[in-house]
């Protein structure tokens, strides 16, 4: 067992495993040797098998603190591995499904939409937010471009039919951005994916 400990400290797990195997051949019921063997199994990545060995040791000696800590660590590692496998399986089976967004406040989303698109970015709908912002800016630019450029004409009289249409479009984008971002933020509070229909 001393040799096994020395080999483990040096990082030579193969020789450490061989030494502890020799110790178990001589004293098969020695709990220190069995714990060391379980440690080697754990170090080689077979967490489930190591967990079984730790559990068997605890059945013989329930209050063994070192084994309890290692048993708990193995349980946590297995649970995390199972969670990761389930997540990968879910992603493979439903590649188009988005992960749930964290809960967002509808009032904040609506306020951020004073600049259309920012509320959508807040709830995690980045592409929608960018499209709304670009569309809104473009509508106002086209509004300015289509104003009557005649000199001496009042500001109201410079508004052409096309300019009025682009102004209405910009306002419609603005109103849609406020209402839509608040609704999608509310969906995240209810635990729904914002991209899913109600």
C-alpha atoms as a PDB file:
ATOM      1  CA  UNK A   1       0.000   0.000   0.000  1.00  0.00           C
ATOM      2  CA  UNK A   2       2.924   2.324   0.699  1.00  0.00           C
ATOM      3  CA  UNK A   3       4.349   1.579  -2.736  1.00  0.00           C
ATOM      4  CA  UNK A   4       0.925   2.171  -4.293  1.00  0.00           C
ATOM      5  CA  UNK A   5       0.743   5.556  -2.585  1.00  0.00           C
ATOM      6  CA  UNK A   6       4.212   6.510  -3.828  1.00  0.00           C
ATOM      7  CA  UNK A   7       3.348   5.511  -7.400  1.00  0.00           C
ATOM      8  CA  UNK A   8       0.101   7.509  -7.263  1.00  0.00           C
ATOM      9  CA  UNK A   9       1.904  10.625  -6.013  1.00  0.00           C
ATOM     10  CA  UNK A  10       4.333  10.277  -8.929  1.00  0.00           C
ATOM     11  CA  UNK A  11       1.417  10.000 -11.367  1.00  0.00           C
ATOM     12  CA  UNK A  12       2.221   6.396 -12.261  1.00  0.00           C
ATOM     13  CA  UNK A  13      -1.343   5.076 -11.994  1.00  0.00           C
ATOM     14  CA  UNK A  14      -0.561   1.791 -13.777  1.00  0.00           C
ATOM     15  CA  UNK A  15       2.036   0.764 -11.167  1.00  0.00           C
ATOM     16  CA  UNK A  16      -0.142   2.106  -8.353  1.00  0.00           C
ATOM     17  CA  UNK A  17      -3.025  -0.057  -9.583  1.00  0.00           C
ATOM     18  CA  UNK A  18      -0.766  -3.088  -9.810  1.00  0.00           C
ATOM     19  CA  UNK A  19       0.545  -2.530  -6.258  1.00  0.00           C
ATOM     20  CA  UNK A  20      -2.924  -2.202  -4.775  1.00  0.00           C
ATOM     21  CA  UNK A  21      -4.022  -5.310  -6.693  1.00  0.00           C
ATOM     22  CA  UNK A  22      -1.192  -7.231  -4.993  1.00  0.00           C
ATOM     23  CA  UNK A  23      -2.264  -5.842  -1.613  1.00  0.00           C
ATOM     24  CA  UNK A  24      -5.882  -6.970  -2.206  1.00  0.00           C
ATOM     25  CA  UNK A  25      -4.663 -10.436  -3.192  1.00  0.00           C
ATOM     26  CA  UNK A  26      -3.067 -10.725   0.251  1.00  0.00           C
ATOM     27  CA  UNK A  27      -5.755  -8.852   2.259  1.00  0.00           C
ATOM     28  CA  UNK A  28      -9.012  -8.875   0.214  1.00  0.00           C
ATOM     29  CA  UNK A  29     -11.070  -7.406   3.098  1.00  0.00           C
ATOM     30  CA  UNK A  30      -8.749  -4.464   3.821  1.00  0.00           C
ATOM     31  CA  UNK A  31     -10.894  -1.334   3.439  1.00  0.00           C
ATOM     32  CA  UNK A  32      -7.906   0.956   2.862  1.00  0.00           C
ATOM     33  CA  UNK A  33      -6.810  -1.193  -0.078  1.00  0.00           C
ATOM     34  CA  UNK A  34     -10.371  -1.359  -1.421  1.00  0.00           C
ATOM     35  CA  UNK A  35     -10.738   2.419  -1.154  1.00  0.00           C
ATOM     36  CA  UNK A  36      -7.419   2.912  -2.923  1.00  0.00           C
ATOM     37  CA  UNK A  37      -8.531   0.513  -5.681  1.00  0.00           C
ATOM     38  CA  UNK A  38     -11.770   2.476  -6.071  1.00  0.00           C
ATOM     39  CA  UNK A  39      -9.715   5.672  -6.293  1.00  0.00           C
ATOM     40  CA  UNK A  40      -7.681   4.167  -9.133  1.00  0.00           C
ATOM     41  CA  UNK A  41     -10.856   3.126 -10.948  1.00  0.00           C
ATOM     42  CA  UNK A  42     -12.190   6.668 -10.507  1.00  0.00           C
ATOM     43  CA  UNK A  43      -8.898   8.121 -11.789  1.00  0.00           C
ATOM     44  CA  UNK A  44      -9.169   5.963 -14.923  1.00  0.00           C
ATOM     45  CA  UNK A  45     -12.585   7.510 -15.644  1.00  0.00           C
ATOM     46  CA  UNK A  46     -14.918   4.625 -14.757  1.00  0.00           C
ATOM     47  CA  UNK A  47     -16.988   6.701 -12.339  1.00  0.00           C
ATOM     48  CA  UNK A  48     -19.941   4.303 -12.230  1.00  0.00           C
ATOM     49  CA  UNK A  49     -17.773   1.323 -11.242  1.00  0.00           C
ATOM     50  CA  UNK A  50     -15.903   3.416  -8.654  1.00  0.00           C
ATOM     51  CA  UNK A  51     -19.264   4.479  -7.231  1.00  0.00           C
ATOM     52  CA  UNK A  52     -20.241   0.838  -6.760  1.00  0.00           C
ATOM     53  CA  UNK A  53     -16.996   0.160  -4.876  1.00  0.00           C
ATOM     54  CA  UNK A  54     -17.439   3.224  -2.637  1.00  0.00           C
ATOM     55  CA  UNK A  55     -20.993   2.141  -1.884  1.00  0.00           C
ATOM     56  CA  UNK A  56     -19.829  -1.360  -0.961  1.00  0.00           C
ATOM     57  CA  UNK A  57     -17.230   0.089   1.430  1.00  0.00           C
ATOM     58  CA  UNK A  58     -19.840   2.334   3.063  1.00  0.00           C
ATOM     59  CA  UNK A  59     -22.119  -0.659   3.598  1.00  0.00           C
ATOM     60  CA  UNK A  60     -19.323  -2.255   5.634  1.00  0.00           C
ATOM     61  CA  UNK A  61     -18.204   0.941   7.394  1.00  0.00           C
ATOM     62  CA  UNK A  62     -20.948   3.620   7.117  1.00  0.00           C
ATOM     63  CA  UNK A  63     -19.068   6.404   8.911  1.00  0.00           C
ATOM     64  CA  UNK A  64     -15.945   6.373   6.733  1.00  0.00           C
ATOM     65  CA  UNK A  65     -15.647  10.109   5.982  1.00  0.00           C
ATOM     66  CA  UNK A  66     -13.107   9.886   3.156  1.00  0.00           C
ATOM     67  CA  UNK A  67     -15.281   7.409   1.247  1.00  0.00           C
ATOM     68  CA  UNK A  68     -18.441   9.434   1.884  1.00  0.00           C
ATOM     69  CA  UNK A  69     -16.814  12.482   0.279  1.00  0.00           C
ATOM     70  CA  UNK A  70     -15.613  10.469  -2.722  1.00  0.00           C
ATOM     71  CA  UNK A  71     -19.014   8.776  -3.035  1.00  0.00           C
ATOM     72  CA  UNK A  72     -20.732  12.181  -3.093  1.00  0.00           C
ATOM     73  CA  UNK A  73     -18.273  13.462  -5.708  1.00  0.00           C
ATOM     74  CA  UNK A  74     -18.886  10.393  -7.895  1.00  0.00           C
ATOM     75  CA  UNK A  75     -22.664  10.812  -7.598  1.00  0.00           C
ATOM     76  CA  UNK A  76     -22.381  14.471  -8.651  1.00  0.00           C
ATOM     77  CA  UNK A  77     -20.139  13.618 -11.606  1.00  0.00           C
ATOM     78  CA  UNK A  78     -22.553  10.918 -12.785  1.00  0.00           C
ATOM     79  CA  UNK A  79     -25.531  13.265 -12.428  1.00  0.00           C
ATOM     80  CA  UNK A  80     -23.754  15.962 -14.441  1.00  0.00           C
ATOM     81  CA  UNK A  81     -22.715  13.442 -17.107  1.00  0.00           C
ATOM     82  CA  UNK A  82     -26.318  12.200 -17.360  1.00  0.00           C
ATOM     83  CA  UNK A  83     -27.555  15.800 -17.637  1.00  0.00           C
ATOM     84  CA  UNK A  84     -25.050  16.551 -20.399  1.00  0.00           C
ATOM     85  CA  UNK A  85     -26.037  13.385 -22.280  1.00  0.00           C
ATOM     86  CA  UNK A  86     -29.727  14.275 -21.997  1.00  0.00           C
ATOM     87  CA  UNK A  87     -28.988  17.789 -23.265  1.00  0.00           C
ATOM     88  CA  UNK A  88     -27.010  16.483 -26.255  1.00  0.00           C
ATOM     89  CA  UNK A  89     -29.745  13.938 -27.016  1.00  0.00           C
ATOM     90  CA  UNK A  90     -32.387  16.699 -26.860  1.00  0.00           C
ATOM     91  CA  UNK A  91     -30.317  18.886 -29.205  1.00  0.00           C
ATOM     92  CA  UNK A  92     -29.878  16.010 -31.669  1.00  0.00           C
ATOM     93  CA  UNK A  93     -33.558  15.063 -31.594  1.00  0.00           C
ATOM     94  CA  UNK A  94     -34.798  18.695 -31.785  1.00  0.00           C
ATOM     95  CA  UNK A  95     -32.080  20.680 -33.595  1.00  0.00           C
ATOM     96  CA  UNK A  96     -34.389  23.646 -34.251  1.00  0.00           C
ATOM     97  CA  UNK A  97     -35.519  24.024 -30.647  1.00  0.00           C
ATOM     98  CA  UNK A  98     -34.022  27.023 -28.873  1.00  0.00           C
ATOM     99  CA  UNK A  99     -32.984  26.788 -25.219  1.00  0.00           C
ATOM    100  CA  UNK A 100     -35.338  28.604 -22.856  1.00  0.00           C
ATOM    101  CA  UNK A 101     -34.426  32.233 -22.358  1.00  0.00           C
ATOM    102  CA  UNK A 102     -33.989  33.507 -18.795  1.00  0.00           C
ATOM    103  CA  UNK A 103     -37.011  35.378 -17.371  1.00  0.00           C
ATOM    104  CA  UNK A 104     -37.223  38.977 -18.596  1.00  0.00           C
ATOM    105  CA  UNK A 105     -39.272  41.946 -17.395  1.00  0.00           C
ATOM    106  CA  UNK A 106     -41.939  43.044 -19.963  1.00  0.00           C
ATOM    107  CA  UNK A 107     -41.834  46.686 -18.768  1.00  0.00           C
ATOM    108  CA  UNK A 108     -38.065  46.885 -19.302  1.00  0.00           C
ATOM    109  CA  UNK A 109     -38.400  45.250 -22.729  1.00  0.00           C
ATOM    110  CA  UNK A 110     -41.051  47.823 -23.723  1.00  0.00           C
ATOM    111  CA  UNK A 111     -38.942  50.739 -22.447  1.00  0.00           C
ATOM    112  CA  UNK A 112     -35.872  49.506 -24.303  1.00  0.00           C
ATOM    113  CA  UNK A 113     -37.980  49.381 -27.472  1.00  0.00           C
ATOM    114  CA  UNK A 114     -38.055  53.194 -27.501  1.00  0.00           C
ATOM    115  CA  UNK A 115     -35.170  52.400 -29.829  1.00  0.00           C
ATOM    116  CA  UNK A 116     -36.863  49.574 -31.806  1.00  0.00           C
ATOM    117  CA  UNK A 117     -35.022  46.282 -31.627  1.00  0.00           C
ATOM    118  CA  UNK A 118     -33.322  46.807 -28.263  1.00  0.00           C
ATOM    119  CA  UNK A 119     -36.225  45.189 -26.399  1.00  0.00           C
ATOM    120  CA  UNK A 120     -35.926  42.107 -28.609  1.00  0.00           C
ATOM    121  CA  UNK A 121     -32.185  41.935 -27.989  1.00  0.00           C
ATOM    122  CA  UNK A 122     -32.972  42.088 -24.244  1.00  0.00           C
ATOM    123  CA  UNK A 123     -35.207  38.980 -24.485  1.00  0.00           C
ATOM    124  CA  UNK A 124     -32.688  37.103 -26.634  1.00  0.00           C
ATOM    125  CA  UNK A 125     -34.223  37.594 -30.103  1.00  0.00           C
ATOM    126  CA  UNK A 126     -31.102  39.138 -31.607  1.00  0.00           C
ATOM    127  CA  UNK A 127     -31.905  38.715 -35.298  1.00  0.00           C
ATOM    128  CA  UNK A 128     -35.429  40.137 -34.880  1.00  0.00           C
ATOM    129  CA  UNK A 129     -34.001  43.073 -32.941  1.00  0.00           C
ATOM    130  CA  UNK A 130     -31.437  43.887 -35.622  1.00  0.00           C
ATOM    131  CA  UNK A 131     -34.042  43.615 -38.406  1.00  0.00           C
ATOM    132  CA  UNK A 132     -36.449  45.926 -36.557  1.00  0.00           C
ATOM    133  CA  UNK A 133     -33.753  48.514 -35.835  1.00  0.00           C
ATOM    134  CA  UNK A 134     -32.462  48.502 -39.423  1.00  0.00           C
ATOM    135  CA  UNK A 135     -36.015  48.651 -40.821  1.00  0.00           C
ATOM    136  CA  UNK A 136     -36.933  51.571 -38.549  1.00  0.00           C
ATOM    137  CA  UNK A 137     -33.807  53.577 -39.372  1.00  0.00           C
ATOM    138  CA  UNK A 138     -34.219  52.844 -43.080  1.00  0.00           C
ATOM    139  CA  UNK A 139     -37.876  53.973 -43.026  1.00  0.00           C
ATOM    140  CA  UNK A 140     -36.927  57.322 -41.464  1.00  0.00           C
ATOM    141  CA  UNK A 141     -34.074  57.767 -43.942  1.00  0.00           C
ATOM    142  CA  UNK A 142     -36.442  57.155 -46.855  1.00  0.00           C
ATOM    143  CA  UNK A 143     -38.900  59.579 -45.246  1.00  0.00           C
ATOM    144  CA  UNK A 144     -36.231  62.298 -45.208  1.00  0.00           C
ATOM    145  CA  UNK A 145     -35.131  61.426 -48.752  1.00  0.00           C
ATOM    146  CA  UNK A 146     -38.680  61.683 -50.187  1.00  0.00           C
ATOM    147  CA  UNK A 147     -39.524  65.081 -48.646  1.00  0.00           C
ATOM    148  CA  UNK A 148     -40.210  67.868 -51.113  1.00  0.00           C
ATOM    149  CA  UNK A 149     -36.937  69.749 -51.567  1.00  0.00           C
ATOM    150  CA  UNK A 150     -38.516  72.980 -52.878  1.00  0.00           C
ATOM    151  CA  UNK A 151     -37.071  76.112 -51.301  1.00  0.00           C
ATOM    152  CA  UNK A 152     -39.382  78.323 -49.284  1.00  0.00           C
ATOM    153  CA  UNK A 153     -41.992  75.606 -48.721  1.00  0.00           C
ATOM    154  CA  UNK A 154     -43.163  75.108 -45.119  1.00  0.00           C
ATOM    155  CA  UNK A 155     -42.207  71.914 -43.308  1.00  0.00           C
ATOM    156  CA  UNK A 156     -45.758  70.511 -43.415  1.00  0.00           C
ATOM    157  CA  UNK A 157     -46.117  71.189 -47.128  1.00  0.00           C
ATOM    158  CA  UNK A 158     -42.833  69.380 -47.838  1.00  0.00           C
ATOM    159  CA  UNK A 159     -44.366  66.033 -46.797  1.00  0.00           C
ATOM    160  CA  UNK A 160     -45.129  64.067 -49.931  1.00  0.00           C
ATOM    161  CA  UNK A 161     -47.306  60.961 -50.193  1.00  0.00           C
ATOM    162  CA  UNK A 162     -44.214  58.751 -50.235  1.00  0.00           C
ATOM    163  CA  UNK A 163     -42.751  60.514 -47.219  1.00  0.00           C
ATOM    164  CA  UNK A 164     -46.009  60.069 -45.314  1.00  0.00           C
ATOM    165  CA  UNK A 165     -46.037  56.365 -46.192  1.00  0.00           C
ATOM    166  CA  UNK A 166     -42.471  55.885 -44.909  1.00  0.00           C
ATOM    167  CA  UNK A 167     -43.290  57.808 -41.709  1.00  0.00           C
ATOM    168  CA  UNK A 168     -46.306  55.535 -41.125  1.00  0.00           C
ATOM    169  CA  UNK A 169     -44.097  52.492 -41.727  1.00  0.00           C
ATOM    170  CA  UNK A 170     -41.519  53.737 -39.184  1.00  0.00           C
ATOM    171  CA  UNK A 171     -44.275  54.342 -36.615  1.00  0.00           C
ATOM    172  CA  UNK A 172     -45.771  50.895 -37.255  1.00  0.00           C
ATOM    173  CA  UNK A 173     -42.347  49.257 -36.733  1.00  0.00           C
ATOM    174  CA  UNK A 174     -41.939  51.244 -33.524  1.00  0.00           C
ATOM    175  CA  UNK A 175     -45.347  50.197 -32.117  1.00  0.00           C
ATOM    176  CA  UNK A 176     -44.809  46.575 -33.152  1.00  0.00           C
ATOM    177  CA  UNK A 177     -41.371  46.514 -31.480  1.00  0.00           C
ATOM    178  CA  UNK A 178     -42.794  47.770 -28.171  1.00  0.00           C
ATOM    179  CA  UNK A 179     -45.765  45.363 -28.081  1.00  0.00           C
ATOM    180  CA  UNK A 180     -43.850  42.350 -29.412  1.00  0.00           C
ATOM    181  CA  UNK A 181     -40.867  42.716 -27.066  1.00  0.00           C
ATOM    182  CA  UNK A 182     -43.158  43.041 -24.024  1.00  0.00           C
ATOM    183  CA  UNK A 183     -45.110  39.941 -25.064  1.00  0.00           C
ATOM    184  CA  UNK A 184     -41.959  37.893 -25.618  1.00  0.00           C
ATOM    185  CA  UNK A 185     -40.524  39.019 -22.278  1.00  0.00           C
ATOM    186  CA  UNK A 186     -43.779  37.865 -20.667  1.00  0.00           C
ATOM    187  CA  UNK A 187     -43.356  34.474 -22.384  1.00  0.00           C
ATOM    188  CA  UNK A 188     -39.927  34.062 -20.800  1.00  0.00           C
ATOM    189  CA  UNK A 189     -41.435  34.759 -17.356  1.00  0.00           C
ATOM    190  CA  UNK A 190     -43.927  31.953 -17.961  1.00  0.00           C
ATOM    191  CA  UNK A 191     -41.130  29.590 -18.971  1.00  0.00           C
ATOM    192  CA  UNK A 192     -41.994  29.529 -22.672  1.00  0.00           C
ATOM    193  CA  UNK A 193     -39.587  29.928 -25.546  1.00  0.00           C
ATOM    194  CA  UNK A 194     -40.252  33.381 -27.072  1.00  0.00           C
ATOM    195  CA  UNK A 195     -40.105  31.862 -30.552  1.00  0.00           C
ATOM    196  CA  UNK A 196     -42.945  29.433 -29.847  1.00  0.00           C
ATOM    197  CA  UNK A 197     -46.519  30.496 -30.712  1.00  0.00           C
ATOM    198  CA  UNK A 198     -48.898  31.025 -27.788  1.00  0.00           C
END
